[in-house]
Amino acid sequence: MGVNVAAEIGRILYMQAAVLAVVFLGVLAGFGWQAAKSAALGGMIALIPNAYFALRISRSEGKSPRQVVRGFYLGEIVKLALTAALFFLVLRLPGIVFLPLFAGFVAVLGVFWFALLLNKKPK
């Protein structure tokens, strides 16, 4: 039984966006607008590069294994560079609160790892 890679990628991105919304609303309710904005930006720092990487991976169907691996490594390099650039840009904004920013980043990034754990199926 094959796995629909595009559907799995879309599901993970959807879950990441949902976690981003929950974190934003939770921080807004508990700590106010400035902290919530920081948490949302942190979540976006994780979500945007992941969406880029997902798009790149979804376009690998029908390519040779060598092209897929090359695309995977290049995509990962660009994803990491994009993450660093987004952190650099966001940390230059006035009024950014670092702890909620980092918490939003970790929460959204953590979705991928939990999705892998929840997706394990017994043989």
N, C-alpha and C. Protein backbone atom coordinates (compact mmCIF):
# COMPACT_ATOMS: atom_id res chain seq x y z
N MET A 1 0.85 -1.17 0.00
CA MET A 1 0.00 0.00 0.00
C MET A 1 0.90 1.23 0.00
N GLY A 2 0.74 2.11 -0.99
CA GLY A 2 1.57 3.30 -1.12
C GLY A 2 1.09 4.43 -0.24
N VAL A 3 1.98 5.35 0.02
CA VAL A 3 1.68 6.51 0.83
C VAL A 3 1.54 7.70 -0.10
N ASN A 4 0.48 8.47 0.05
CA ASN A 4 0.30 9.69 -0.71
C ASN A 4 1.14 10.78 -0.04
N VAL A 5 2.33 11.01 -0.59
CA VAL A 5 3.29 11.92 0.03
C VAL A 5 2.74 13.34 0.09
N ALA A 6 2.12 13.79 -0.98
CA ALA A 6 1.58 15.15 -1.00
C ALA A 6 0.51 15.34 0.07
N ALA A 7 -0.33 14.33 0.27
CA ALA A 7 -1.36 14.43 1.29
C ALA A 7 -0.75 14.46 2.69
N GLU A 8 0.28 13.65 2.92
CA GLU A 8 0.95 13.65 4.23
C GLU A 8 1.64 14.98 4.50
N ILE A 9 2.30 15.52 3.49
CA ILE A 9 2.97 16.82 3.63
C ILE A 9 1.94 17.90 3.93
N GLY A 10 0.84 17.88 3.18
CA GLY A 10 -0.22 18.86 3.40
C GLY A 10 -0.82 18.75 4.79
N ARG A 11 -0.98 17.53 5.28
CA ARG A 11 -1.53 17.31 6.62
C ARG A 11 -0.60 17.89 7.68
N ILE A 12 0.69 17.67 7.53
CA ILE A 12 1.65 18.20 8.50
C ILE A 12 1.67 19.72 8.47
N LEU A 13 1.66 20.32 7.28
CA LEU A 13 1.64 21.79 7.20
C LEU A 13 0.35 22.35 7.80
N TYR A 14 -0.77 21.67 7.58
CA TYR A 14 -2.03 22.09 8.16
C TYR A 14 -1.95 22.03 9.69
N MET A 15 -1.39 20.95 10.22
CA MET A 15 -1.24 20.81 11.68
C MET A 15 -0.32 21.89 12.23
N GLN A 16 0.75 22.21 11.49
CA GLN A 16 1.65 23.27 11.94
C GLN A 16 0.93 24.62 11.98
N ALA A 17 0.12 24.90 10.97
CA ALA A 17 -0.64 26.15 10.96
C ALA A 17 -1.65 26.18 12.12
N ALA A 18 -2.26 25.05 12.41
CA ALA A 18 -3.21 24.98 13.52
C ALA A 18 -2.51 25.21 14.86
N VAL A 19 -1.34 24.62 15.03
CA VAL A 19 -0.57 24.83 16.27
C VAL A 19 -0.16 26.29 16.37
N LEU A 20 0.23 26.89 15.26
CA LEU A 20 0.60 28.31 15.25
C LEU A 20 -0.58 29.15 15.74
N ALA A 21 -1.78 28.87 15.26
CA ALA A 21 -2.97 29.62 15.66
C ALA A 21 -3.26 29.43 17.15
N VAL A 22 -3.15 28.20 17.63
CA VAL A 22 -3.42 27.91 19.05
C VAL A 22 -2.39 28.61 19.94
N VAL A 23 -1.13 28.54 19.56
CA VAL A 23 -0.08 29.21 20.34
C VAL A 23 -0.33 30.72 20.36
N PHE A 24 -0.64 31.28 19.21
CA PHE A 24 -0.90 32.72 19.13
C PHE A 24 -2.04 33.11 20.06
N LEU A 25 -3.16 32.40 19.97
CA LEU A 25 -4.32 32.74 20.80
C LEU A 25 -4.05 32.51 22.29
N GLY A 26 -3.32 31.43 22.61
CA GLY A 26 -3.00 31.17 24.01
C GLY A 26 -2.09 32.24 24.60
N VAL A 27 -1.08 32.62 23.84
CA VAL A 27 -0.16 33.67 24.32
C VAL A 27 -0.88 35.01 24.38
N LEU A 28 -1.74 35.27 23.41
CA LEU A 28 -2.52 36.53 23.42
C LEU A 28 -3.38 36.60 24.68
N ALA A 29 -4.05 35.51 25.00
CA ALA A 29 -4.92 35.49 26.18
C ALA A 29 -4.13 35.63 27.48
N GLY A 30 -2.95 35.03 27.52
CA GLY A 30 -2.19 35.03 28.77
C GLY A 30 -1.19 36.14 28.94
N PHE A 31 -0.65 36.65 27.83
CA PHE A 31 0.47 37.58 27.96
C PHE A 31 0.35 38.85 27.13
N GLY A 32 -0.69 38.98 26.33
CA GLY A 32 -0.90 40.22 25.60
C GLY A 32 -0.40 40.19 24.16
N TRP A 33 -0.66 41.31 23.50
CA TRP A 33 -0.43 41.42 22.06
C TRP A 33 1.05 41.29 21.68
N GLN A 34 1.94 41.97 22.38
CA GLN A 34 3.35 41.97 21.99
C GLN A 34 3.95 40.57 22.05
N ALA A 35 3.65 39.83 23.12
CA ALA A 35 4.15 38.46 23.24
C ALA A 35 3.50 37.56 22.20
N ALA A 36 2.20 37.76 21.93
CA ALA A 36 1.50 36.95 20.94
C ALA A 36 2.05 37.19 19.54
N LYS A 37 2.33 38.44 19.22
CA LYS A 37 2.93 38.76 17.92
C LYS A 37 4.29 38.09 17.79
N SER A 38 5.07 38.10 18.85
CA SER A 38 6.38 37.45 18.83
C SER A 38 6.24 35.94 18.64
N ALA A 39 5.28 35.33 19.34
CA ALA A 39 5.06 33.89 19.21
C ALA A 39 4.61 33.54 17.79
N ALA A 40 3.73 34.37 17.22
CA ALA A 40 3.27 34.12 15.85
C ALA A 40 4.42 34.24 14.86
N LEU A 41 5.26 35.23 15.03
CA LEU A 41 6.42 35.38 14.14
C LEU A 41 7.38 34.19 14.29
N GLY A 42 7.56 33.72 15.50
CA GLY A 42 8.40 32.53 15.71
C GLY A 42 7.82 31.32 15.00
N GLY A 43 6.51 31.15 15.09
CA GLY A 43 5.86 30.05 14.38
C GLY A 43 6.00 30.18 12.87
N MET A 44 5.90 31.39 12.37
CA MET A 44 6.05 31.61 10.93
C MET A 44 7.49 31.34 10.48
N ILE A 45 8.45 31.61 11.36
CA ILE A 45 9.85 31.31 11.03
C ILE A 45 10.03 29.81 10.80
N ALA A 46 9.27 29.00 11.48
CA ALA A 46 9.31 27.55 11.26
C ALA A 46 8.45 27.13 10.08
N LEU A 47 7.26 27.72 9.96
CA LEU A 47 6.29 27.28 8.95
C LEU A 47 6.70 27.64 7.53
N ILE A 48 7.19 28.83 7.31
CA ILE A 48 7.53 29.27 5.94
C ILE A 48 8.62 28.40 5.32
N PRO A 49 9.75 28.17 6.00
CA PRO A 49 10.77 27.29 5.40
C PRO A 49 10.27 25.85 5.21
N ASN A 50 9.44 25.36 6.14
CA ASN A 50 8.88 24.01 5.98
C ASN A 50 7.97 23.94 4.76
N ALA A 51 7.19 24.99 4.53
CA ALA A 51 6.33 25.02 3.35
C ALA A 51 7.16 25.03 2.07
N TYR A 52 8.25 25.80 2.08
CA TYR A 52 9.16 25.80 0.92
C TYR A 52 9.70 24.39 0.66
N PHE A 53 10.18 23.76 1.73
CA PHE A 53 10.78 22.43 1.60
C PHE A 53 9.73 21.42 1.12
N ALA A 54 8.51 21.52 1.64
CA ALA A 54 7.44 20.61 1.23
C ALA A 54 7.13 20.79 -0.26
N LEU A 55 7.09 22.02 -0.71
CA LEU A 55 6.85 22.28 -2.12
C LEU A 55 7.95 21.67 -2.98
N ARG A 56 9.17 21.84 -2.54
CA ARG A 56 10.32 21.29 -3.28
C ARG A 56 10.26 19.77 -3.34
N ILE A 57 9.94 19.13 -2.22
CA ILE A 57 9.87 17.67 -2.16
C ILE A 57 8.70 17.16 -3.02
N SER A 58 7.59 17.88 -2.98
CA SER A 58 6.42 17.42 -3.74
C SER A 58 6.66 17.46 -5.25
N ARG A 59 7.63 18.22 -5.69
CA ARG A 59 7.96 18.29 -7.11
C ARG A 59 8.99 17.26 -7.54
N SER A 60 9.35 16.33 -6.67
CA SER A 60 10.40 15.36 -6.99
C SER A 60 9.85 14.08 -7.62
N GLU A 61 8.54 13.96 -7.72
CA GLU A 61 7.95 12.75 -8.29
C GLU A 61 8.36 12.60 -9.76
N GLY A 62 8.76 11.39 -10.10
CA GLY A 62 9.15 11.10 -11.48
C GLY A 62 10.60 11.40 -11.81
N LYS A 63 11.35 11.87 -10.83
CA LYS A 63 12.76 12.17 -11.07
C LYS A 63 13.61 10.97 -10.67
N SER A 64 14.84 10.96 -11.15
CA SER A 64 15.75 9.86 -10.82
C SER A 64 16.14 9.95 -9.34
N PRO A 65 16.54 8.83 -8.75
CA PRO A 65 16.95 8.86 -7.34
C PRO A 65 18.06 9.88 -7.07
N ARG A 66 18.98 10.01 -7.97
CA ARG A 66 20.07 10.99 -7.80
C ARG A 66 19.51 12.41 -7.77
N GLN A 67 18.56 12.71 -8.65
CA GLN A 67 17.96 14.04 -8.67
C GLN A 67 17.14 14.29 -7.41
N VAL A 68 16.47 13.25 -6.92
CA VAL A 68 15.68 13.39 -5.69
C VAL A 68 16.59 13.70 -4.51
N VAL A 69 17.68 12.97 -4.38
CA VAL A 69 18.60 13.19 -3.27
C VAL A 69 19.24 14.57 -3.37
N ARG A 70 19.65 14.95 -4.55
CA ARG A 70 20.26 16.27 -4.75
C ARG A 70 19.25 17.36 -4.40
N GLY A 71 18.01 17.18 -4.85
CA GLY A 71 16.97 18.15 -4.53
C GLY A 71 16.67 18.21 -3.05
N PHE A 72 16.72 17.05 -2.39
CA PHE A 72 16.48 17.01 -0.95
C PHE A 72 17.56 17.81 -0.21
N TYR A 73 18.82 17.57 -0.54
CA TYR A 73 19.90 18.28 0.14
C TYR A 73 19.88 19.77 -0.15
N LEU A 74 19.64 20.13 -1.40
CA LEU A 74 19.58 21.55 -1.75
C LEU A 74 18.39 22.21 -1.05
N GLY A 75 17.26 21.51 -1.03
CA GLY A 75 16.10 22.04 -0.34
C GLY A 75 16.35 22.25 1.14
N GLU A 76 17.04 21.32 1.76
CA GLU A 76 17.36 21.45 3.19
C GLU A 76 18.31 22.62 3.44
N ILE A 77 19.27 22.81 2.57
CA ILE A 77 20.20 23.94 2.72
C ILE A 77 19.45 25.26 2.60
N VAL A 78 18.58 25.36 1.60
CA VAL A 78 17.80 26.58 1.42
C VAL A 78 16.87 26.79 2.61
N LYS A 79 16.27 25.71 3.10
CA LYS A 79 15.37 25.81 4.26
C LYS A 79 16.11 26.36 5.48
N LEU A 80 17.31 25.85 5.73
CA LEU A 80 18.09 26.33 6.88
C LEU A 80 18.51 27.78 6.69
N ALA A 81 18.92 28.14 5.48
CA ALA A 81 19.31 29.53 5.21
C ALA A 81 18.11 30.47 5.35
N LEU A 82 16.95 30.02 4.88
CA LEU A 82 15.74 30.83 5.00
C LEU A 82 15.36 31.00 6.47
N THR A 83 15.50 29.94 7.26
CA THR A 83 15.21 30.03 8.69
C THR A 83 16.14 31.05 9.36
N ALA A 84 17.43 30.98 9.06
CA ALA A 84 18.39 31.92 9.64
C ALA A 84 18.07 33.36 9.21
N ALA A 85 17.75 33.54 7.94
CA ALA A 85 17.44 34.88 7.44
C ALA A 85 16.18 35.43 8.11
N LEU A 86 15.17 34.59 8.29
CA LEU A 86 13.95 35.04 8.95
C LEU A 86 14.20 35.40 10.41
N PHE A 87 15.00 34.59 11.11
CA PHE A 87 15.36 34.94 12.49
C PHE A 87 16.09 36.28 12.51
N PHE A 88 17.02 36.47 11.62
CA PHE A 88 17.78 37.72 11.56
C PHE A 88 16.85 38.91 11.35
N LEU A 89 15.93 38.78 10.41
CA LEU A 89 15.01 39.88 10.11
C LEU A 89 14.04 40.15 11.26
N VAL A 90 13.47 39.10 11.81
CA VAL A 90 12.47 39.27 12.88
C VAL A 90 13.11 39.84 14.15
N LEU A 91 14.31 39.39 14.46
CA LEU A 91 14.96 39.90 15.67
C LEU A 91 15.37 41.37 15.56
N ARG A 92 15.32 41.90 14.37
CA ARG A 92 15.61 43.32 14.17
C ARG A 92 14.37 44.19 14.36
N LEU A 93 13.19 43.57 14.41
CA LEU A 93 11.95 44.33 14.60
C LEU A 93 11.87 44.87 16.03
N PRO A 94 11.29 46.05 16.19
CA PRO A 94 11.16 46.59 17.55
C PRO A 94 10.10 45.84 18.35
N GLY A 95 10.36 45.68 19.64
CA GLY A 95 9.37 45.10 20.54
C GLY A 95 9.23 43.60 20.51
N ILE A 96 10.14 42.90 19.88
CA ILE A 96 10.07 41.43 19.83
C ILE A 96 10.47 40.87 21.19
N VAL A 97 9.66 39.95 21.69
CA VAL A 97 9.94 39.29 22.97
C VAL A 97 10.50 37.90 22.63
N PHE A 98 11.74 37.65 23.05
CA PHE A 98 12.44 36.46 22.59
C PHE A 98 11.82 35.15 23.05
N LEU A 99 11.42 35.03 24.30
CA LEU A 99 10.90 33.75 24.81
C LEU A 99 9.64 33.29 24.06
N PRO A 100 8.65 34.15 23.88
CA PRO A 100 7.49 33.72 23.07
C PRO A 100 7.86 33.44 21.61
N LEU A 101 8.80 34.21 21.07
CA LEU A 101 9.26 33.98 19.69
C LEU A 101 9.83 32.57 19.57
N PHE A 102 10.70 32.22 20.48
CA PHE A 102 11.32 30.90 20.46
C PHE A 102 10.30 29.80 20.75
N ALA A 103 9.36 30.07 21.67
CA ALA A 103 8.32 29.08 21.99
C ALA A 103 7.44 28.81 20.78
N GLY A 104 7.08 29.84 20.05
CA GLY A 104 6.29 29.65 18.83
C GLY A 104 7.05 28.85 17.79
N PHE A 105 8.33 29.14 17.65
CA PHE A 105 9.18 28.41 16.70
C PHE A 105 9.25 26.93 17.06
N VAL A 106 9.52 26.62 18.32
CA VAL A 106 9.66 25.24 18.78
C VAL A 106 8.33 24.50 18.68
N ALA A 107 7.24 25.17 19.02
CA ALA A 107 5.92 24.51 18.97
C ALA A 107 5.57 24.09 17.54
N VAL A 108 5.78 24.98 16.58
CA VAL A 108 5.46 24.66 15.19
C VAL A 108 6.42 23.62 14.64
N LEU A 109 7.68 23.76 14.96
CA LEU A 109 8.68 22.79 14.49
C LEU A 109 8.43 21.41 15.10
N GLY A 110 7.98 21.38 16.34
CA GLY A 110 7.73 20.11 17.03
C GLY A 110 6.59 19.30 16.43
N VAL A 111 5.70 19.95 15.69
CA VAL A 111 4.58 19.24 15.07
C VAL A 111 5.09 18.13 14.17
N PHE A 112 6.14 18.40 13.43
CA PHE A 112 6.68 17.40 12.51
C PHE A 112 7.10 16.14 13.25
N TRP A 113 7.77 16.30 14.38
CA TRP A 113 8.24 15.13 15.13
C TRP A 113 7.09 14.36 15.75
N PHE A 114 6.09 15.07 16.26
CA PHE A 114 4.93 14.38 16.82
C PHE A 114 4.13 13.68 15.72
N ALA A 115 4.06 14.29 14.54
CA ALA A 115 3.35 13.65 13.42
C ALA A 115 4.03 12.35 13.04
N LEU A 116 5.35 12.33 13.07
CA LEU A 116 6.06 11.09 12.77
C LEU A 116 5.76 10.01 13.81
N LEU A 117 5.72 10.38 15.08
CA LEU A 117 5.43 9.43 16.15
C LEU A 117 4.01 8.90 16.04
N LEU A 118 3.07 9.78 15.74
CA LEU A 118 1.67 9.37 15.66
C LEU A 118 1.35 8.58 14.41
N ASN A 119 2.19 8.70 13.39
CA ASN A 119 1.92 8.05 12.10
C ASN A 119 2.50 6.64 12.04
N LYS A 120 3.22 6.19 13.07
CA LYS A 120 3.78 4.84 13.05
C LYS A 120 2.66 3.82 13.07
N LYS A 121 2.73 2.91 12.14
CA LYS A 121 1.74 1.86 12.06
C LYS A 121 2.41 0.51 12.34
N PRO A 122 1.78 -0.34 13.14
CA PRO A 122 2.38 -1.66 13.39
C PRO A 122 2.38 -2.50 12.13
N LYS A 123 3.39 -3.36 12.02
CA LYS A 123 3.52 -4.23 10.83
C LYS A 123 2.69 -5.45 10.96
